[in-house]
């Protein structure tokens, strides 16, 4: 499969088509949020799955992203679509953070 593991309890699925510079930013964003999550709950798994919604021959124009955070108190999930991958990741991670802060 095309899963990328970051640090043992973070998994990225479907990110293989990103160019290396995008992947660096994605890993940094996910790592920062994962650290914030782990300060609030005991994280078992953080899973991000992306798939293209609209693509041209050269690039993906719109992304669909699903995020699942498994922790001691249950599960937090968020999903959405956007043209800007980084805005999408940030928005959905904020939704997950809001869920675990309740």
PDB file of N, CA and C in Angstrom:
ATOM      1  N   UNK A   1       0.844  -1.180   0.000  1.00  0.00           N
ATOM      2  CA  UNK A   1       0.000   0.000   0.000  1.00  0.00           C
ATOM      3  C   UNK A   1       0.888   1.242   0.000  1.00  0.00           C
ATOM      4  N   UNK A   2       0.294   2.411  -0.129  1.00  0.00           N
ATOM      5  CA  UNK A   2       1.073   3.643  -0.214  1.00  0.00           C
ATOM      6  C   UNK A   2       1.065   4.418   1.102  1.00  0.00           C
ATOM      7  N   UNK A   3       1.115   3.692   2.212  1.00  0.00           N
ATOM      8  CA  UNK A   3       1.120   4.331   3.526  1.00  0.00           C
ATOM      9  C   UNK A   3       2.520   4.813   3.883  1.00  0.00           C
ATOM     10  N   UNK A   4       2.565   5.971   4.532  1.00  0.00           N
ATOM     11  CA  UNK A   4       3.803   6.519   5.072  1.00  0.00           C
ATOM     12  C   UNK A   4       3.611   6.607   6.577  1.00  0.00           C
ATOM     13  N   UNK A   5       4.532   6.030   7.341  1.00  0.00           N
ATOM     14  CA  UNK A   5       4.437   6.097   8.799  1.00  0.00           C
ATOM     15  C   UNK A   5       5.371   7.173   9.321  1.00  0.00           C
ATOM     16  N   UNK A   6       4.846   7.968  10.246  1.00  0.00           N
ATOM     17  CA  UNK A   6       5.635   9.010  10.894  1.00  0.00           C
ATOM     18  C   UNK A   6       5.637   8.729  12.388  1.00  0.00           C
ATOM     19  N   UNK A   7       6.727   8.335  12.936  1.00  0.00           N
ATOM     20  CA  UNK A   7       6.854   8.186  14.371  1.00  0.00           C
ATOM     21  C   UNK A   7       6.095   7.052  15.024  1.00  0.00           C
ATOM     22  N   UNK A   8       5.582   6.115  14.295  1.00  0.00           N
ATOM     23  CA  UNK A   8       4.956   4.946  14.906  1.00  0.00           C
ATOM     24  C   UNK A   8       3.458   4.991  15.023  1.00  0.00           C
ATOM     25  N   UNK A   9       2.873   6.110  15.485  1.00  0.00           N
ATOM     26  CA  UNK A   9       1.426   6.139  15.636  1.00  0.00           C
ATOM     27  C   UNK A   9       0.753   7.134  14.687  1.00  0.00           C
ATOM     28  N   UNK A  10       1.478   7.572  13.674  1.00  0.00           N
ATOM     29  CA  UNK A  10       0.928   8.471  12.656  1.00  0.00           C
ATOM     30  C   UNK A  10       1.066   7.786  11.302  1.00  0.00           C
ATOM     31  N   UNK A  11      -0.049   7.702  10.572  1.00  0.00           N
ATOM     32  CA  UNK A  11      -0.042   7.075   9.257  1.00  0.00           C
ATOM     33  C   UNK A  11      -0.668   8.018   8.234  1.00  0.00           C
ATOM     34  N   UNK A  12       0.016   8.178   7.100  1.00  0.00           N
ATOM     35  CA  UNK A  12      -0.493   8.965   5.983  1.00  0.00           C
ATOM     36  C   UNK A  12      -0.766   8.016   4.826  1.00  0.00           C
ATOM     37  N   UNK A  13      -1.985   8.020   4.306  1.00  0.00           N
ATOM     38  CA  UNK A  13      -2.339   7.165   3.170  1.00  0.00           C
ATOM     39  C   UNK A  13      -2.703   8.029   1.969  1.00  0.00           C
ATOM     40  N   UNK A  14      -2.189   7.646   0.799  1.00  0.00           N
ATOM     41  CA  UNK A  14      -2.525   8.338  -0.433  1.00  0.00           C
ATOM     42  C   UNK A  14      -1.677   9.559  -0.726  1.00  0.00           C
ATOM     43  N   UNK A  15      -0.639   9.778   0.042  1.00  0.00           N
ATOM     44  CA  UNK A  15       0.188  10.969  -0.119  1.00  0.00           C
ATOM     45  C   UNK A  15       1.365  10.746  -1.069  1.00  0.00           C
ATOM     46  N   UNK A  16       1.450   9.583  -1.704  1.00  0.00           N
ATOM     47  CA  UNK A  16       2.615   9.252  -2.531  1.00  0.00           C
ATOM     48  C   UNK A  16       2.751  10.140  -3.768  1.00  0.00           C
ATOM     49  N   UNK A  17       1.652  10.732  -4.225  1.00  0.00           N
ATOM     50  CA  UNK A  17       1.702  11.558  -5.429  1.00  0.00           C
ATOM     51  C   UNK A  17       2.141  12.998  -5.172  1.00  0.00           C
ATOM     52  N   UNK A  18       2.316  13.359  -3.914  1.00  0.00           N
ATOM     53  CA  UNK A  18       2.765  14.720  -3.609  1.00  0.00           C
ATOM     54  C   UNK A  18       4.237  14.866  -3.955  1.00  0.00           C
ATOM     55  N   UNK A  19       4.618  16.074  -4.372  1.00  0.00           N
ATOM     56  CA  UNK A  19       6.040  16.276  -4.629  1.00  0.00           C
ATOM     57  C   UNK A  19       6.764  16.445  -3.291  1.00  0.00           C
ATOM     58  N   UNK A  20       8.070  16.232  -3.280  1.00  0.00           N
ATOM     59  CA  UNK A  20       8.826  16.240  -2.020  1.00  0.00           C
ATOM     60  C   UNK A  20       8.679  17.527  -1.206  1.00  0.00           C
ATOM     61  N   UNK A  21       8.597  18.676  -1.870  1.00  0.00           N
ATOM     62  CA  UNK A  21       8.465  19.930  -1.115  1.00  0.00           C
ATOM     63  C   UNK A  21       7.114  20.012  -0.408  1.00  0.00           C
ATOM     64  N   UNK A  22       6.058  19.517  -1.041  1.00  0.00           N
ATOM     65  CA  UNK A  22       4.747  19.480  -0.390  1.00  0.00           C
ATOM     66  C   UNK A  22       4.769  18.508   0.783  1.00  0.00           C
ATOM     67  N   UNK A  23       5.441  17.386   0.600  1.00  0.00           N
ATOM     68  CA  UNK A  23       5.482  16.362   1.640  1.00  0.00           C
ATOM     69  C   UNK A  23       6.190  16.870   2.895  1.00  0.00           C
ATOM     70  N   UNK A  24       7.220  17.684   2.722  1.00  0.00           N
ATOM     71  CA  UNK A  24       7.924  18.262   3.869  1.00  0.00           C
ATOM     72  C   UNK A  24       6.961  19.116   4.695  1.00  0.00           C
ATOM     73  N   UNK A  25       6.165  19.936   4.020  1.00  0.00           N
ATOM     74  CA  UNK A  25       5.210  20.805   4.715  1.00  0.00           C
ATOM     75  C   UNK A  25       4.129  19.973   5.400  1.00  0.00           C
ATOM     76  N   UNK A  26       3.620  18.947   4.707  1.00  0.00           N
ATOM     77  CA  UNK A  26       2.590  18.075   5.290  1.00  0.00           C
ATOM     78  C   UNK A  26       3.114  17.411   6.557  1.00  0.00           C
ATOM     79  N   UNK A  27       4.316  16.847   6.491  1.00  0.00           N
ATOM     80  CA  UNK A  27       4.891  16.170   7.659  1.00  0.00           C
ATOM     81  C   UNK A  27       5.070  17.134   8.828  1.00  0.00           C
ATOM     82  N   UNK A  28       5.501  18.351   8.544  1.00  0.00           N
ATOM     83  CA  UNK A  28       5.692  19.358   9.595  1.00  0.00           C
ATOM     84  C   UNK A  28       4.355  19.721  10.240  1.00  0.00           C
ATOM     85  N   UNK A  29       3.330  19.953   9.411  1.00  0.00           N
ATOM     86  CA  UNK A  29       2.004  20.307   9.934  1.00  0.00           C
ATOM     87  C   UNK A  29       1.435  19.177  10.790  1.00  0.00           C
ATOM     88  N   UNK A  30       1.496  17.961  10.261  1.00  0.00           N
ATOM     89  CA  UNK A  30       0.947  16.808  10.976  1.00  0.00           C
ATOM     90  C   UNK A  30       1.704  16.586  12.281  1.00  0.00           C
ATOM     91  N   UNK A  31       3.018  16.705  12.240  1.00  0.00           N
ATOM     92  CA  UNK A  31       3.823  16.528  13.443  1.00  0.00           C
ATOM     93  C   UNK A  31       3.502  17.547  14.522  1.00  0.00           C
ATOM     94  N   UNK A  32       3.302  18.798  14.122  1.00  0.00           N
ATOM     95  CA  UNK A  32       2.967  19.843  15.091  1.00  0.00           C
ATOM     96  C   UNK A  32       1.612  19.581  15.747  1.00  0.00           C
ATOM     97  N   UNK A  33       0.620  19.213  14.944  1.00  0.00           N
ATOM     98  CA  UNK A  33      -0.694  18.908  15.513  1.00  0.00           C
ATOM     99  C   UNK A  33      -0.647  17.639  16.362  1.00  0.00           C
ATOM    100  N   UNK A  34       0.103  16.637  15.927  1.00  0.00           N
ATOM    101  CA  UNK A  34       0.205  15.392  16.699  1.00  0.00           C
ATOM    102  C   UNK A  34       0.783  15.671  18.085  1.00  0.00           C
ATOM    103  N   UNK A  35       1.763  16.540  18.147  1.00  0.00           N
ATOM    104  CA  UNK A  35       2.353  16.917  19.435  1.00  0.00           C
ATOM    105  C   UNK A  35       1.302  17.611  20.307  1.00  0.00           C
ATOM    106  N   UNK A  36       0.513  18.484  19.689  1.00  0.00           N
ATOM    107  CA  UNK A  36      -0.539  19.178  20.437  1.00  0.00           C
ATOM    108  C   UNK A  36      -1.610  18.198  20.925  1.00  0.00           C
ATOM    109  N   UNK A  37      -1.983  17.236  20.071  1.00  0.00           N
ATOM    110  CA  UNK A  37      -2.967  16.222  20.476  1.00  0.00           C
ATOM    111  C   UNK A  37      -2.443  15.418  21.663  1.00  0.00           C
ATOM    112  N   UNK A  38      -1.170  15.024  21.591  1.00  0.00           N
ATOM    113  CA  UNK A  38      -0.609  14.162  22.637  1.00  0.00           C
ATOM    114  C   UNK A  38      -0.467  14.881  23.978  1.00  0.00           C
ATOM    115  N   UNK A  39      -0.494  16.201  23.964  1.00  0.00           N
ATOM    116  CA  UNK A  39      -0.475  16.957  25.217  1.00  0.00           C
ATOM    117  C   UNK A  39      -1.849  16.963  25.885  1.00  0.00           C
ATOM    118  N   UNK A  40      -2.892  16.635  25.108  1.00  0.00           N
ATOM    119  CA  UNK A  40      -4.259  16.670  25.631  1.00  0.00           C
ATOM    120  C   UNK A  40      -4.839  15.285  25.900  1.00  0.00           C
ATOM    121  N   UNK A  41      -4.477  14.293  25.073  1.00  0.00           N
ATOM    122  CA  UNK A  41      -4.991  12.926  25.226  1.00  0.00           C
ATOM    123  C   UNK A  41      -3.866  11.937  24.945  1.00  0.00           C
ATOM    124  N   UNK A  42      -4.074  10.684  25.334  1.00  0.00           N
ATOM    125  CA  UNK A  42      -3.122   9.622  25.024  1.00  0.00           C
ATOM    126  C   UNK A  42      -3.454   9.089  23.628  1.00  0.00           C
ATOM    127  N   UNK A  43      -2.665   9.471  22.641  1.00  0.00           N
ATOM    128  CA  UNK A  43      -2.932   9.141  21.238  1.00  0.00           C
ATOM    129  C   UNK A  43      -2.493   7.712  20.936  1.00  0.00           C
ATOM    130  N   UNK A  44      -3.412   6.927  20.365  1.00  0.00           N
ATOM    131  CA  UNK A  44      -3.081   5.581  19.906  1.00  0.00           C
ATOM    132  C   UNK A  44      -2.713   5.606  18.425  1.00  0.00           C
ATOM    133  N   UNK A  45      -3.507   6.329  17.620  1.00  0.00           N
ATOM    134  CA  UNK A  45      -3.280   6.374  16.177  1.00  0.00           C
ATOM    135  C   UNK A  45      -3.826   7.671  15.610  1.00  0.00           C
ATOM    136  N   UNK A  46      -3.041   8.299  14.744  1.00  0.00           N
ATOM    137  CA  UNK A  46      -3.495   9.438  13.957  1.00  0.00           C
ATOM    138  C   UNK A  46      -3.357   9.018  12.504  1.00  0.00           C
ATOM    139  N   UNK A  47      -4.492   8.930  11.803  1.00  0.00           N
ATOM    140  CA  UNK A  47      -4.486   8.443  10.425  1.00  0.00           C
ATOM    141  C   UNK A  47      -5.076   9.509   9.513  1.00  0.00           C
ATOM    142  N   UNK A  48      -4.329   9.872   8.472  1.00  0.00           N
ATOM    143  CA  UNK A  48      -4.803  10.805   7.459  1.00  0.00           C
ATOM    144  C   UNK A  48      -4.851  10.073   6.132  1.00  0.00           C
ATOM    145  N   UNK A  49      -5.992  10.165   5.447  1.00  0.00           N
ATOM    146  CA  UNK A  49      -6.151   9.526   4.140  1.00  0.00           C
ATOM    147  C   UNK A  49      -6.615  10.587   3.149  1.00  0.00           C
ATOM    148  N   UNK A  50      -5.856  10.710   2.062  1.00  0.00           N
ATOM    149  CA  UNK A  50      -6.173  11.707   1.050  1.00  0.00           C
ATOM    150  C   UNK A  50      -6.469  11.016  -0.268  1.00  0.00           C
ATOM    151  N   UNK A  51      -7.377  11.622  -1.033  1.00  0.00           N
ATOM    152  CA  UNK A  51      -7.588  11.137  -2.390  1.00  0.00           C
ATOM    153  C   UNK A  51      -7.949  12.316  -3.280  1.00  0.00           C
ATOM    154  N   UNK A  52      -7.550  12.245  -4.536  1.00  0.00           N
ATOM    155  CA  UNK A  52      -7.860  13.339  -5.452  1.00  0.00           C
ATOM    156  C   UNK A  52      -9.338  13.317  -5.831  1.00  0.00           C
ATOM    157  N   UNK A  53      -9.947  14.492  -5.868  1.00  0.00           N
ATOM    158  CA  UNK A  53     -11.337  14.606  -6.292  1.00  0.00           C
ATOM    159  C   UNK A  53     -11.382  15.076  -7.737  1.00  0.00           C
ATOM    160  N   UNK A  54     -10.530  16.022  -8.065  1.00  0.00           N
ATOM    161  CA  UNK A  54     -10.470  16.561  -9.422  1.00  0.00           C
ATOM    162  C   UNK A  54      -9.004  16.688  -9.797  1.00  0.00           C
ATOM    163  N   UNK A  55      -8.639  16.094 -10.917  1.00  0.00           N
ATOM    164  CA  UNK A  55      -7.235  16.106 -11.314  1.00  0.00           C
ATOM    165  C   UNK A  55      -7.130  16.408 -12.803  1.00  0.00           C
ATOM    166  N   UNK A  56      -6.046  17.108 -13.173  1.00  0.00           N
ATOM    167  CA  UNK A  56      -5.702  17.304 -14.574  1.00  0.00           C
ATOM    168  C   UNK A  56      -4.565  16.339 -14.877  1.00  0.00           C
ATOM    169  N   UNK A  57      -4.033  16.406 -16.080  1.00  0.00           N
ATOM    170  CA  UNK A  57      -2.929  15.508 -16.431  1.00  0.00           C
ATOM    171  C   UNK A  57      -1.707  15.750 -15.549  1.00  0.00           C
ATOM    172  N   UNK A  58      -1.497  16.995 -15.149  1.00  0.00           N
ATOM    173  CA  UNK A  58      -0.274  17.339 -14.426  1.00  0.00           C
ATOM    174  C   UNK A  58      -0.429  17.398 -12.915  1.00  0.00           C
ATOM    175  N   UNK A  59      -1.612  17.740 -12.423  1.00  0.00           N
ATOM    176  CA  UNK A  59      -1.731  17.941 -10.982  1.00  0.00           C
ATOM    177  C   UNK A  59      -3.143  17.692 -10.478  1.00  0.00           C
ATOM    178  N   UNK A  60      -3.225  17.488  -9.182  1.00  0.00           N
ATOM    179  CA  UNK A  60      -4.516  17.345  -8.514  1.00  0.00           C
ATOM    180  C   UNK A  60      -5.030  18.747  -8.219  1.00  0.00           C
ATOM    181  N   UNK A  61      -6.256  19.010  -8.622  1.00  0.00           N
ATOM    182  CA  UNK A  61      -6.834  20.333  -8.408  1.00  0.00           C
ATOM    183  C   UNK A  61      -7.619  20.426  -7.103  1.00  0.00           C
ATOM    184  N   UNK A  62      -8.246  19.320  -6.692  1.00  0.00           N
ATOM    185  CA  UNK A  62      -9.046  19.337  -5.469  1.00  0.00           C
ATOM    186  C   UNK A  62      -8.784  18.060  -4.694  1.00  0.00           C
ATOM    187  N   UNK A  63      -8.678  18.185  -3.373  1.00  0.00           N
ATOM    188  CA  UNK A  63      -8.338  17.058  -2.506  1.00  0.00           C
ATOM    189  C   UNK A  63      -9.492  16.743  -1.562  1.00  0.00           C
ATOM    190  N   UNK A  64      -9.644  15.453  -1.256  1.00  0.00           N
ATOM    191  CA  UNK A  64     -10.554  15.009  -0.203  1.00  0.00           C
ATOM    192  C   UNK A  64      -9.690  14.389   0.878  1.00  0.00           C
ATOM    193  N   UNK A  65      -9.922  14.779   2.122  1.00  0.00           N
ATOM    194  CA  UNK A  65      -9.096  14.311   3.230  1.00  0.00           C
ATOM    195  C   UNK A  65      -9.975  13.797   4.359  1.00  0.00           C
ATOM    196  N   UNK A  66      -9.572  12.658   4.918  1.00  0.00           N
ATOM    197  CA  UNK A  66     -10.227  12.066   6.087  1.00  0.00           C
ATOM    198  C   UNK A  66      -9.171  11.936   7.180  1.00  0.00           C
ATOM    199  N   UNK A  67      -9.500  12.396   8.376  1.00  0.00           N
ATOM    200  CA  UNK A  67      -8.590  12.298   9.517  1.00  0.00           C
ATOM    201  C   UNK A  67      -9.295  11.538  10.632  1.00  0.00           C
ATOM    202  N   UNK A  68      -8.572  10.587  11.222  1.00  0.00           N
ATOM    203  CA  UNK A  68      -9.101   9.836  12.370  1.00  0.00           C
ATOM    204  C   UNK A  68      -8.039   9.817  13.461  1.00  0.00           C
ATOM    205  N   UNK A  69      -8.449  10.200  14.656  1.00  0.00           N
ATOM    206  CA  UNK A  69      -7.572  10.169  15.820  1.00  0.00           C
ATOM    207  C   UNK A  69      -8.171   9.206  16.835  1.00  0.00           C
ATOM    208  N   UNK A  70      -7.477   8.104  17.093  1.00  0.00           N
ATOM    209  CA  UNK A  70      -7.893   7.151  18.124  1.00  0.00           C
ATOM    210  C   UNK A  70      -7.121   7.470  19.394  1.00  0.00           C
ATOM    211  N   UNK A  71      -7.856   7.598  20.515  1.00  0.00           N
ATOM    212  CA  UNK A  71      -7.212   7.915  21.790  1.00  0.00           C
ATOM    213  C   UNK A  71      -7.942   7.196  22.915  1.00  0.00           C
ATOM    214  N   UNK A  72      -7.428   7.333  24.136  1.00  0.00           N
ATOM    215  CA  UNK A  72      -7.988   6.621  25.292  1.00  0.00           C
ATOM    216  C   UNK A  72      -9.474   6.889  25.511  1.00  0.00           C
ATOM    217  N   UNK A  73      -9.907   8.104  25.233  1.00  0.00           N
ATOM    218  CA  UNK A  73     -11.297   8.484  25.489  1.00  0.00           C
ATOM    219  C   UNK A  73     -12.220   8.240  24.306  1.00  0.00           C
ATOM    220  N   UNK A  74     -11.721   7.667  23.221  1.00  0.00           N
ATOM    221  CA  UNK A  74     -12.570   7.387  22.060  1.00  0.00           C
ATOM    222  C   UNK A  74     -11.893   7.722  20.752  1.00  0.00           C
ATOM    223  N   UNK A  75     -12.668   8.386  19.901  1.00  0.00           N
ATOM    224  CA  UNK A  75     -12.193   8.666  18.553  1.00  0.00           C
ATOM    225  C   UNK A  75     -12.672  10.050  18.136  1.00  0.00           C
ATOM    226  N   UNK A  76     -11.842  10.757  17.392  1.00  0.00           N
ATOM    227  CA  UNK A  76     -12.214  12.039  16.804  1.00  0.00           C
ATOM    228  C   UNK A  76     -11.990  11.922  15.303  1.00  0.00           C
ATOM    229  N   UNK A  77     -12.962  12.367  14.513  1.00  0.00           N
ATOM    230  CA  UNK A  77     -12.856  12.269  13.064  1.00  0.00           C
ATOM    231  C   UNK A  77     -13.224  13.601  12.423  1.00  0.00           C
ATOM    232  N   UNK A  78     -12.650  13.829  11.249  1.00  0.00           N
ATOM    233  CA  UNK A  78     -12.977  15.012  10.461  1.00  0.00           C
ATOM    234  C   UNK A  78     -12.728  14.674   9.001  1.00  0.00           C
ATOM    235  N   UNK A  79     -13.534  15.258   8.133  1.00  0.00           N
ATOM    236  CA  UNK A  79     -13.329  15.060   6.697  1.00  0.00           C
ATOM    237  C   UNK A  79     -13.777  16.298   5.953  1.00  0.00           C
ATOM    238  N   UNK A  80     -13.183  16.488   4.772  1.00  0.00           N
ATOM    239  CA  UNK A  80     -13.541  17.643   3.969  1.00  0.00           C
ATOM    240  C   UNK A  80     -12.822  17.634   2.640  1.00  0.00           C
ATOM    241  N   UNK A  81     -13.156  18.620   1.808  1.00  0.00           N
ATOM    242  CA  UNK A  81     -12.511  18.786   0.507  1.00  0.00           C
ATOM    243  C   UNK A  81     -12.108  20.247   0.343  1.00  0.00           C
ATOM    244  N   UNK A  82     -11.034  20.460  -0.407  1.00  0.00           N
ATOM    245  CA  UNK A  82     -10.572  21.821  -0.670  1.00  0.00           C
ATOM    246  C   UNK A  82      -9.588  21.784  -1.832  1.00  0.00           C
ATOM    247  N   UNK A  83      -9.414  22.937  -2.447  1.00  0.00           N
ATOM    248  CA  UNK A  83      -8.439  23.057  -3.522  1.00  0.00           C
ATOM    249  C   UNK A  83      -7.026  23.197  -2.965  1.00  0.00           C
ATOM    250  N   UNK A  84      -6.899  23.772  -1.776  1.00  0.00           N
ATOM    251  CA  UNK A  84      -5.596  23.980  -1.153  1.00  0.00           C
ATOM    252  C   UNK A  84      -5.371  22.909  -0.090  1.00  0.00           C
ATOM    253  N   UNK A  85      -4.427  22.027  -0.320  1.00  0.00           N
ATOM    254  CA  UNK A  85      -4.163  20.909   0.584  1.00  0.00           C
ATOM    255  C   UNK A  85      -3.777  21.375   1.986  1.00  0.00           C
ATOM    256  N   UNK A  86      -2.951  22.407   2.078  1.00  0.00           N
ATOM    257  CA  UNK A  86      -2.462  22.851   3.380  1.00  0.00           C
ATOM    258  C   UNK A  86      -3.574  23.494   4.211  1.00  0.00           C
ATOM    259  N   UNK A  87      -4.433  24.252   3.571  1.00  0.00           N
ATOM    260  CA  UNK A  87      -5.592  24.835   4.259  1.00  0.00           C
ATOM    261  C   UNK A  87      -6.519  23.724   4.733  1.00  0.00           C
ATOM    262  N   UNK A  88      -6.705  22.716   3.896  1.00  0.00           N
ATOM    263  CA  UNK A  88      -7.563  21.582   4.243  1.00  0.00           C
ATOM    264  C   UNK A  88      -7.028  20.841   5.468  1.00  0.00           C
ATOM    265  N   UNK A  89      -5.744  20.536   5.471  1.00  0.00           N
ATOM    266  CA  UNK A  89      -5.143  19.844   6.618  1.00  0.00           C
ATOM    267  C   UNK A  89      -5.308  20.682   7.880  1.00  0.00           C
ATOM    268  N   UNK A  90      -5.006  21.966   7.796  1.00  0.00           N
ATOM    269  CA  UNK A  90      -5.102  22.838   8.964  1.00  0.00           C
ATOM    270  C   UNK A  90      -6.539  22.904   9.493  1.00  0.00           C
ATOM    271  N   UNK A  91      -7.513  23.088   8.614  1.00  0.00           N
ATOM    272  CA  UNK A  91      -8.915  23.172   9.036  1.00  0.00           C
ATOM    273  C   UNK A  91      -9.386  21.890   9.714  1.00  0.00           C
ATOM    274  N   UNK A  92      -9.053  20.747   9.120  1.00  0.00           N
ATOM    275  CA  UNK A  92      -9.521  19.480   9.681  1.00  0.00           C
ATOM    276  C   UNK A  92      -8.800  19.130  10.980  1.00  0.00           C
ATOM    277  N   UNK A  93      -7.525  19.448  11.077  1.00  0.00           N
ATOM    278  CA  UNK A  93      -6.805  19.203  12.329  1.00  0.00           C
ATOM    279  C   UNK A  93      -7.382  20.071  13.450  1.00  0.00           C
ATOM    280  N   UNK A  94      -7.788  21.300  13.125  1.00  0.00           N
ATOM    281  CA  UNK A  94      -8.427  22.156  14.125  1.00  0.00           C
ATOM    282  C   UNK A  94      -9.756  21.558  14.580  1.00  0.00           C
ATOM    283  N   UNK A  95     -10.502  20.953  13.658  1.00  0.00           N
ATOM    284  CA  UNK A  95     -11.762  20.294  14.030  1.00  0.00           C
ATOM    285  C   UNK A  95     -11.510  19.129  14.980  1.00  0.00           C
ATOM    286  N   UNK A  96     -10.487  18.336  14.684  1.00  0.00           N
ATOM    287  CA  UNK A  96     -10.140  17.211  15.560  1.00  0.00           C
ATOM    288  C   UNK A  96      -9.720  17.740  16.931  1.00  0.00           C
ATOM    289  N   UNK A  97      -8.911  18.780  16.946  1.00  0.00           N
ATOM    290  CA  UNK A  97      -8.467  19.378  18.206  1.00  0.00           C
ATOM    291  C   UNK A  97      -9.663  19.866  19.023  1.00  0.00           C
ATOM    292  N   UNK A  98     -10.611  20.494  18.364  1.00  0.00           N
ATOM    293  CA  UNK A  98     -11.814  20.978  19.046  1.00  0.00           C
ATOM    294  C   UNK A  98     -12.604  19.814  19.656  1.00  0.00           C
ATOM    295  N   UNK A  99     -12.668  18.699  18.940  1.00  0.00           N
ATOM    296  CA  UNK A  99     -13.400  17.530  19.449  1.00  0.00           C
ATOM    297  C   UNK A  99     -12.757  16.963  20.711  1.00  0.00           C
ATOM    298  N   UNK A 100     -11.438  16.915  20.755  1.00  0.00           N
ATOM    299  CA  UNK A 100     -10.794  16.317  21.935  1.00  0.00           C
ATOM    300  C   UNK A 100     -10.738  17.283  23.114  1.00  0.00           C
ATOM    301  N   UNK A 101     -10.953  18.568  22.857  1.00  0.00           N
ATOM    302  CA  UNK A 101     -10.957  19.549  23.942  1.00  0.00           C
ATOM    303  C   UNK A 101     -12.302  19.625  24.649  1.00  0.00           C
ATOM    304  N   UNK A 102     -13.333  19.000  24.101  1.00  0.00           N
ATOM    305  CA  UNK A 102     -14.675  19.042  24.709  1.00  0.00           C
ATOM    306  C   UNK A 102     -14.709  18.292  26.010  1.00  0.00           C
TER     307      UNK A 102
END
